[in-house]
Protein backbone atom coordinates (compact mmCIF):
# COMPACT_ATOMS: atom_id res chain seq x y z
CA MET A 1 36.64 -51.28 113.74
CA ILE A 2 36.30 -53.79 110.86
CA LEU A 3 38.13 -51.31 108.61
CA ASP A 4 40.99 -50.95 111.08
CA ALA A 5 41.29 -54.76 111.34
CA ALA A 6 41.07 -55.18 107.62
CA LEU A 7 43.89 -52.54 107.08
CA ALA A 8 46.11 -54.33 109.56
CA GLU A 9 45.37 -57.86 107.96
CA PHE A 10 45.89 -56.65 104.35
CA ALA A 11 49.03 -54.91 105.35
CA GLU A 12 50.51 -57.92 107.15
CA GLN A 13 49.26 -60.80 104.88
CA GLY A 14 48.46 -59.17 101.64
CA TYR A 15 45.24 -59.58 99.79
CA GLU A 16 45.76 -63.31 98.91
CA GLY A 17 46.86 -64.16 102.45
CA SER A 18 43.93 -62.44 104.09
CA THR A 19 40.48 -63.76 104.62
CA THR A 20 37.28 -62.32 105.87
CA ALA A 21 37.34 -64.85 108.68
CA SER A 22 40.72 -63.72 109.80
CA ILE A 23 39.65 -60.05 109.73
CA ALA A 24 36.62 -60.96 111.71
CA ARG A 25 38.73 -62.71 114.44
CA ARG A 26 40.90 -59.61 114.67
CA VAL A 27 37.95 -57.53 115.60
CA GLY A 28 35.98 -60.10 117.50
CA VAL A 29 32.89 -60.37 115.23
CA THR A 30 31.45 -63.12 113.01
CA GLN A 31 32.54 -63.57 109.43
CA PRO A 32 28.82 -63.18 108.26
CA LEU A 33 28.85 -59.63 109.76
CA VAL A 34 31.85 -58.70 107.66
CA HIS A 35 30.07 -59.96 104.53
CA TYR A 36 26.92 -58.21 105.62
CA HIS A 37 28.61 -54.78 105.78
CA PHE A 38 30.94 -55.22 102.75
CA GLY A 39 29.67 -57.93 100.56
CA SER A 40 32.99 -59.57 99.66
CA LYS A 41 36.77 -59.48 100.44
CA GLU A 42 37.37 -57.54 97.15
CA ALA A 43 34.80 -54.88 98.23
CA LEU A 44 36.27 -54.69 101.75
CA TRP A 45 39.82 -54.39 100.32
CA ARG A 46 38.75 -51.42 98.08
CA THR A 47 36.89 -49.70 100.95
CA THR A 48 39.91 -50.19 103.10
CA VAL A 49 42.32 -48.80 100.49
CA ASP A 50 39.97 -45.87 99.68
CA GLY A 51 40.10 -44.93 103.38
CA LEU A 52 43.93 -45.05 103.56
CA PHE A 53 44.38 -42.97 100.31
CA GLY A 54 41.59 -40.63 101.35
CA LYS A 55 43.64 -39.97 104.58
CA LEU A 56 46.81 -39.28 102.42
CA GLN A 57 44.96 -36.93 100.04
CA LEU A 58 43.65 -34.84 102.91
CA HIS A 59 47.03 -34.69 104.49
CA LEU A 60 48.83 -33.59 101.31
CA ALA A 61 46.14 -31.02 100.55
CA ALA A 62 46.57 -29.49 103.96
CA MET A 63 50.34 -29.26 103.42
CA GLN A 64 50.16 -27.80 99.96
CA GLU A 65 47.74 -25.07 101.07
CA LEU A 66 50.81 -23.44 102.71
CA VAL A 67 52.44 -22.94 99.42
CA THR A 68 49.59 -22.29 96.98
CA ASP A 69 50.99 -19.03 95.75
CA SER A 70 54.67 -20.06 95.85
CA ASP A 71 56.89 -21.55 93.14
CA SER A 72 57.76 -25.13 92.42
CA ALA A 73 60.67 -25.68 94.81
CA PRO A 74 58.70 -24.98 97.94
CA GLY A 75 55.70 -26.96 96.60
CA LEU A 76 57.93 -30.00 96.00
CA VAL A 77 59.34 -29.77 99.51
CA GLU A 78 55.95 -29.46 101.16
CA LEU A 79 54.50 -32.37 99.11
CA THR A 80 57.57 -34.43 100.07
CA PHE A 81 57.32 -33.53 103.84
CA GLY A 82 53.64 -34.31 103.78
CA PHE A 83 54.01 -37.75 102.07
CA MET A 84 56.87 -38.57 104.52
CA ASP A 85 54.85 -37.57 107.55
CA PHE A 86 52.05 -39.84 106.28
CA ALA A 87 54.35 -42.73 105.58
CA ALA A 88 55.87 -42.50 109.05
CA ALA A 89 52.42 -42.44 110.77
CA ASN A 90 50.80 -45.10 108.41
CA PRO A 91 53.30 -47.88 107.84
CA GLU A 92 50.43 -49.99 106.45
CA PHE A 93 50.68 -47.81 103.28
CA ALA A 94 54.06 -49.17 102.25
CA CYS A 95 53.05 -52.76 103.17
CA ILE A 96 50.00 -52.64 100.97
CA LEU A 97 51.87 -51.08 97.99
CA ASN A 98 54.68 -53.73 98.43
CA HIS A 99 52.04 -56.48 98.24
CA GLU A 100 50.21 -55.08 95.31
CA GLY A 101 53.02 -53.63 93.27
CA VAL A 102 54.76 -56.83 92.46
CA VAL A 103 51.91 -58.54 90.57
CA GLN A 104 50.11 -57.09 87.57
CA GLY A 105 46.39 -57.36 87.97
CA PRO A 106 43.10 -55.57 88.32
CA ARG A 107 43.85 -54.40 91.97
CA LEU A 108 47.13 -52.75 90.89
CA GLU A 109 45.37 -51.24 87.85
CA TRP A 110 42.70 -49.79 90.05
CA LEU A 111 45.30 -48.49 92.51
CA THR A 112 47.33 -46.94 89.75
CA GLU A 113 44.36 -45.30 87.92
CA TYR A 114 42.67 -43.75 90.91
CA TYR A 115 45.51 -42.99 93.35
CA LEU A 116 49.10 -43.67 92.25
CA ARG A 117 49.25 -42.01 88.89
CA PRO A 118 47.72 -38.78 90.12
CA LEU A 119 50.08 -38.75 93.13
CA PHE A 120 53.09 -39.31 90.85
CA GLU A 121 51.83 -36.75 88.38
CA ARG A 122 51.78 -34.02 91.16
CA TRP A 123 55.43 -34.65 91.87
CA GLY A 124 56.08 -34.73 88.13
CA VAL A 125 54.54 -31.32 87.59
CA TYR A 126 57.02 -29.82 90.08
CA LEU A 127 60.01 -31.68 88.64
CA ASP A 128 59.11 -30.67 85.12
CA ASP A 129 58.89 -26.97 86.23
CA LEU A 130 62.18 -27.15 87.97
CA LYS A 131 63.81 -28.80 84.90
CA GLU A 132 62.41 -26.13 82.63
CA ALA A 133 63.86 -23.43 84.97
CA GLY A 134 67.32 -25.24 84.58
CA LEU A 135 67.36 -26.15 88.31
CA VAL A 136 67.06 -29.94 88.05
CA ARG A 137 68.91 -32.34 85.78
CA ASP A 138 67.02 -33.92 82.90
CA ILE A 139 66.64 -37.24 84.49
CA PRO A 140 63.38 -39.11 83.60
CA ASN A 141 60.78 -38.60 86.26
CA ALA A 142 60.15 -42.36 86.52
CA TYR A 143 63.67 -42.82 87.83
CA LEU A 144 63.73 -39.74 90.19
CA LEU A 145 60.33 -40.59 91.60
CA PHE A 146 61.03 -44.21 92.27
CA VAL A 147 64.34 -43.63 93.87
CA PHE A 148 62.51 -41.09 96.13
CA PHE A 149 59.41 -43.23 96.66
CA GLY A 150 61.30 -46.22 97.65
CA ALA A 151 63.57 -44.35 100.06
CA ALA A 152 60.69 -42.48 101.41
CA GLN A 153 58.83 -45.61 102.62
CA HIS A 154 61.82 -48.06 103.33
CA PHE A 155 63.03 -46.24 106.49
CA PHE A 156 59.60 -46.44 108.08
CA HIS A 157 58.54 -49.87 106.74
CA LEU A 158 61.65 -51.42 108.21
CA ALA A 159 61.44 -49.51 111.51
CA PRO A 160 62.22 -52.67 113.53
CA LEU A 161 65.40 -53.21 111.52
CA VAL A 162 66.35 -49.57 111.93
CA LYS A 163 65.83 -49.89 115.66
CA SER A 164 67.84 -53.10 115.81
CA LEU A 165 70.78 -51.61 113.82
CA TYR A 166 71.00 -48.09 115.09
CA GLY A 167 68.61 -47.86 118.09
CA ILE A 168 66.58 -45.24 116.40
CA ASP A 169 62.81 -45.16 116.50
CA ALA A 170 62.14 -44.53 112.81
CA ARG A 171 58.51 -43.57 113.29
CA SER A 172 59.17 -40.93 116.03
CA PRO A 173 58.51 -37.33 115.00
CA GLU A 174 62.17 -36.40 115.52
CA ALA A 175 63.55 -39.29 113.41
CA SER A 176 60.92 -38.79 110.77
CA GLN A 177 61.86 -35.03 110.51
CA ALA A 178 65.61 -35.81 110.46
CA TYR A 179 65.23 -38.64 107.89
CA THR A 180 63.11 -36.33 105.58
CA ASN A 181 65.63 -33.54 105.80
CA ALA A 182 68.42 -36.07 104.95
CA LEU A 183 66.52 -37.59 102.14
CA LEU A 184 65.61 -34.16 100.57
CA GLU A 185 69.20 -33.07 100.86
CA VAL A 186 70.55 -36.21 99.11
CA MET A 187 67.91 -36.14 96.42
CA LEU A 188 67.88 -32.41 95.66
CA THR A 189 71.87 -32.27 95.74
CA GLY A 190 71.95 -35.18 93.41
CA ALA A 191 69.29 -33.98 91.02
CA THR A 192 70.21 -30.31 91.00
CA LYS A 193 71.65 -29.15 87.67
CA LYS A 194 75.13 -27.63 88.00
CA ALA A 195 76.74 -25.03 85.79
CA SER A 196 79.19 -27.72 84.53
CA ASP A 197 76.37 -30.04 83.33
CA PRO A 198 75.98 -30.20 79.50
CA SER A 199 72.93 -28.24 78.39
């Protein structure tokens, strides 16, 4: 219960805007109890983020088991669908990354080292294989992945705006599936190497 409250608080307020007192109020316990279990706000934040990324890793592993013996294109698609499913079901993920990703510091370095770099490298391996096979344009992975990563989260992160503009529940399974299909089509069409491209 404390971790659920911490996840909501860190997602909404960011690390700096959150306090162990505000987290305790969310769950209806005393602040000393939070400190008793976690020691500090920093330790609580790390435990919370560990839990969130642990869920993501388990989800992606389950998706990728479906294509263990396949080639890079299906692997890329399954990894992408897995991530999009997770982003839709866990909007706190985008919120926390948006808070932490704009300021260089020890929390971002920790996030990058333990979770984000391995995640981006998994996508990068698929992209490199597809480039080597001549199927994807030689666009740096940093550009391709940040175009995708931003688009992958934005639709779900701004679900109230999507609802206000278009009447679509962005986090519904139907909308999530349709958006993922659309994003993959746009991304893969744009990145696919054509016969007319210079070699």
